[in-house]
């Protein structure tokens, strides 16, 4: 399973493969044409209360991942669809956050790649 991560504001490239937006809200100031999103999986994004609690605070990263993984366990159908999409082809998870190390796409890739 080849899963890449990319900030949605970066230009799309052929190496991205299937581009999947994993944020609940559409990124500000970005047209759909420029974003070149193939799929938008809102169902695998963190809940609003979890996002508000986390606020991209690196000190809360471990707690965020634990809570987010619990939410993903409850979204089994959407997670299965995403795993199926990534079977045999490159998938790039797109996110809008400025923090490239502590965001839901990084955590989601970890979740998808675990056994």
C-alpha atoms as a PDB file:
ATOM      1  CA  UNK A   1       0.000   0.000   0.000  1.00  0.00           C
ATOM      2  CA  UNK A   2       1.676   3.197  -1.209  1.00  0.00           C
ATOM      3  CA  UNK A   3       0.258   6.117   0.747  1.00  0.00           C
ATOM      4  CA  UNK A   4       1.771   9.544   0.374  1.00  0.00           C
ATOM      5  CA  UNK A   5       0.920  12.746   2.221  1.00  0.00           C
ATOM      6  CA  UNK A   6       0.831  16.210   0.749  1.00  0.00           C
ATOM      7  CA  UNK A   7      -0.416  19.638   1.677  1.00  0.00           C
ATOM      8  CA  UNK A   8      -3.271  20.427  -0.697  1.00  0.00           C
ATOM      9  CA  UNK A   9      -1.844  23.855  -1.515  1.00  0.00           C
ATOM     10  CA  UNK A  10       1.189  22.225  -3.159  1.00  0.00           C
ATOM     11  CA  UNK A  11       0.872  21.639  -6.919  1.00  0.00           C
ATOM     12  CA  UNK A  12      -0.544  18.324  -8.078  1.00  0.00           C
ATOM     13  CA  UNK A  13       1.887  15.978  -9.829  1.00  0.00           C
ATOM     14  CA  UNK A  14       1.596  12.686 -11.686  1.00  0.00           C
ATOM     15  CA  UNK A  15       3.416  10.972  -8.791  1.00  0.00           C
ATOM     16  CA  UNK A  16       0.456  11.749  -6.516  1.00  0.00           C
ATOM     17  CA  UNK A  17      -1.619   8.986  -8.029  1.00  0.00           C
ATOM     18  CA  UNK A  18      -5.152   9.157  -6.635  1.00  0.00           C
ATOM     19  CA  UNK A  19      -5.580  12.406  -4.690  1.00  0.00           C
ATOM     20  CA  UNK A  20      -7.804  12.092  -1.611  1.00  0.00           C
ATOM     21  CA  UNK A  21      -8.785  15.048   0.549  1.00  0.00           C
ATOM     22  CA  UNK A  22      -9.098  13.896   4.177  1.00  0.00           C
ATOM     23  CA  UNK A  23     -10.239  17.151   5.810  1.00  0.00           C
ATOM     24  CA  UNK A  24     -13.820  17.764   6.892  1.00  0.00           C
ATOM     25  CA  UNK A  25     -13.937  21.262   5.389  1.00  0.00           C
ATOM     26  CA  UNK A  26     -12.851  22.429   1.944  1.00  0.00           C
ATOM     27  CA  UNK A  27      -9.526  24.338   2.090  1.00  0.00           C
ATOM     28  CA  UNK A  28      -9.832  28.110   2.054  1.00  0.00           C
ATOM     29  CA  UNK A  29      -9.128  29.964  -1.143  1.00  0.00           C
ATOM     30  CA  UNK A  30      -8.605  26.870  -3.270  1.00  0.00           C
ATOM     31  CA  UNK A  31     -10.677  26.138  -6.352  1.00  0.00           C
ATOM     32  CA  UNK A  32     -11.722  22.588  -7.124  1.00  0.00           C
ATOM     33  CA  UNK A  33      -9.911  22.808 -10.463  1.00  0.00           C
ATOM     34  CA  UNK A  34      -6.621  23.797  -8.838  1.00  0.00           C
ATOM     35  CA  UNK A  35      -6.972  21.213  -6.043  1.00  0.00           C
ATOM     36  CA  UNK A  36      -7.434  18.317  -8.470  1.00  0.00           C
ATOM     37  CA  UNK A  37      -9.060  16.129  -5.819  1.00  0.00           C
ATOM     38  CA  UNK A  38     -10.190  12.705  -7.004  1.00  0.00           C
ATOM     39  CA  UNK A  39     -12.047  11.794  -3.807  1.00  0.00           C
ATOM     40  CA  UNK A  40     -13.116  13.643  -0.674  1.00  0.00           C
ATOM     41  CA  UNK A  41     -13.348  11.345   2.341  1.00  0.00           C
ATOM     42  CA  UNK A  42     -14.909  13.582   5.012  1.00  0.00           C
ATOM     43  CA  UNK A  43     -15.899  10.458   6.927  1.00  0.00           C
ATOM     44  CA  UNK A  44     -12.271   9.752   7.889  1.00  0.00           C
ATOM     45  CA  UNK A  45     -11.517  13.243   9.134  1.00  0.00           C
ATOM     46  CA  UNK A  46     -11.393  13.972  12.871  1.00  0.00           C
ATOM     47  CA  UNK A  47     -14.611  15.139  14.511  1.00  0.00           C
ATOM     48  CA  UNK A  48     -15.085  18.847  15.177  1.00  0.00           C
ATOM     49  CA  UNK A  49     -14.680  18.432  18.965  1.00  0.00           C
ATOM     50  CA  UNK A  50     -11.430  16.506  18.471  1.00  0.00           C
ATOM     51  CA  UNK A  51     -10.063  19.084  16.031  1.00  0.00           C
ATOM     52  CA  UNK A  52     -10.934  21.919  18.418  1.00  0.00           C
ATOM     53  CA  UNK A  53      -9.321  20.102  21.345  1.00  0.00           C
ATOM     54  CA  UNK A  54      -6.133  19.337  19.412  1.00  0.00           C
ATOM     55  CA  UNK A  55      -5.549  22.675  17.634  1.00  0.00           C
ATOM     56  CA  UNK A  56      -2.325  21.216  16.161  1.00  0.00           C
ATOM     57  CA  UNK A  57      -0.613  21.379  19.538  1.00  0.00           C
ATOM     58  CA  UNK A  58       2.387  18.992  19.332  1.00  0.00           C
ATOM     59  CA  UNK A  59       2.116  18.374  23.088  1.00  0.00           C
ATOM     60  CA  UNK A  60      -1.309  16.780  22.450  1.00  0.00           C
ATOM     61  CA  UNK A  61      -0.173  14.666  19.474  1.00  0.00           C
ATOM     62  CA  UNK A  62      -0.209  11.267  21.199  1.00  0.00           C
ATOM     63  CA  UNK A  63      -3.610  11.943  22.740  1.00  0.00           C
ATOM     64  CA  UNK A  64      -4.933  13.185  19.419  1.00  0.00           C
ATOM     65  CA  UNK A  65      -3.815  10.024  17.626  1.00  0.00           C
ATOM     66  CA  UNK A  66      -5.327   7.761  20.280  1.00  0.00           C
ATOM     67  CA  UNK A  67      -8.688   9.561  20.119  1.00  0.00           C
ATOM     68  CA  UNK A  68      -8.594   9.835  16.334  1.00  0.00           C
ATOM     69  CA  UNK A  69      -7.849   6.116  15.953  1.00  0.00           C
ATOM     70  CA  UNK A  70     -10.877   5.403  18.154  1.00  0.00           C
ATOM     71  CA  UNK A  71     -12.993   7.533  15.799  1.00  0.00           C
ATOM     72  CA  UNK A  72     -11.551   5.727  12.792  1.00  0.00           C
ATOM     73  CA  UNK A  73     -12.442   2.383  14.376  1.00  0.00           C
ATOM     74  CA  UNK A  74     -16.058   3.611  14.329  1.00  0.00           C
ATOM     75  CA  UNK A  75     -15.797   4.606  10.633  1.00  0.00           C
ATOM     76  CA  UNK A  76     -14.939   1.105   9.451  1.00  0.00           C
ATOM     77  CA  UNK A  77     -16.795   1.336   6.125  1.00  0.00           C
ATOM     78  CA  UNK A  78     -15.070   4.540   5.042  1.00  0.00           C
ATOM     79  CA  UNK A  79     -11.688   3.247   6.201  1.00  0.00           C
ATOM     80  CA  UNK A  80     -12.247   0.027   4.224  1.00  0.00           C
ATOM     81  CA  UNK A  81     -13.098   2.059   1.110  1.00  0.00           C
ATOM     82  CA  UNK A  82      -9.919   4.090   1.522  1.00  0.00           C
ATOM     83  CA  UNK A  83      -7.803   0.961   2.049  1.00  0.00           C
ATOM     84  CA  UNK A  84      -9.365  -0.593  -1.035  1.00  0.00           C
ATOM     85  CA  UNK A  85      -8.575   2.510  -3.051  1.00  0.00           C
ATOM     86  CA  UNK A  86      -4.941   2.308  -1.937  1.00  0.00           C
ATOM     87  CA  UNK A  87      -4.647  -1.369  -2.867  1.00  0.00           C
ATOM     88  CA  UNK A  88      -2.257  -1.605  -5.794  1.00  0.00           C
ATOM     89  CA  UNK A  89      -1.939   2.096  -6.567  1.00  0.00           C
ATOM     90  CA  UNK A  90      -0.446   5.226  -5.094  1.00  0.00           C
ATOM     91  CA  UNK A  91      -2.787   7.326  -3.000  1.00  0.00           C
ATOM     92  CA  UNK A  92      -1.921  10.787  -1.730  1.00  0.00           C
ATOM     93  CA  UNK A  93      -3.745  11.975   1.363  1.00  0.00           C
ATOM     94  CA  UNK A  94      -4.314  15.715   1.096  1.00  0.00           C
ATOM     95  CA  UNK A  95      -4.616  18.043   4.071  1.00  0.00           C
ATOM     96  CA  UNK A  96      -4.721  21.819   4.574  1.00  0.00           C
ATOM     97  CA  UNK A  97      -2.985  22.236   7.954  1.00  0.00           C
ATOM     98  CA  UNK A  98       0.240  24.242   8.077  1.00  0.00           C
ATOM     99  CA  UNK A  99       1.884  21.782  10.482  1.00  0.00           C
ATOM    100  CA  UNK A 100       3.352  19.075   8.265  1.00  0.00           C
ATOM    101  CA  UNK A 101       4.216  16.705  11.140  1.00  0.00           C
ATOM    102  CA  UNK A 102       1.147  16.914  13.376  1.00  0.00           C
ATOM    103  CA  UNK A 103      -2.001  16.644  11.268  1.00  0.00           C
ATOM    104  CA  UNK A 104      -4.764  14.159  10.586  1.00  0.00           C
ATOM    105  CA  UNK A 105      -3.238  12.926   7.302  1.00  0.00           C
ATOM    106  CA  UNK A 106      -0.040  11.851   9.079  1.00  0.00           C
ATOM    107  CA  UNK A 107      -2.074  10.040  11.735  1.00  0.00           C
ATOM    108  CA  UNK A 108      -4.420   8.519   9.149  1.00  0.00           C
ATOM    109  CA  UNK A 109      -1.518   7.076   7.166  1.00  0.00           C
ATOM    110  CA  UNK A 110      -0.181   5.483  10.357  1.00  0.00           C
ATOM    111  CA  UNK A 111      -3.610   4.029  11.051  1.00  0.00           C
ATOM    112  CA  UNK A 112      -3.978   2.643   7.519  1.00  0.00           C
ATOM    113  CA  UNK A 113      -0.525   1.091   7.492  1.00  0.00           C
ATOM    114  CA  UNK A 114      -0.854  -0.794  10.739  1.00  0.00           C
ATOM    115  CA  UNK A 115      -1.849  -4.430  10.553  1.00  0.00           C
END
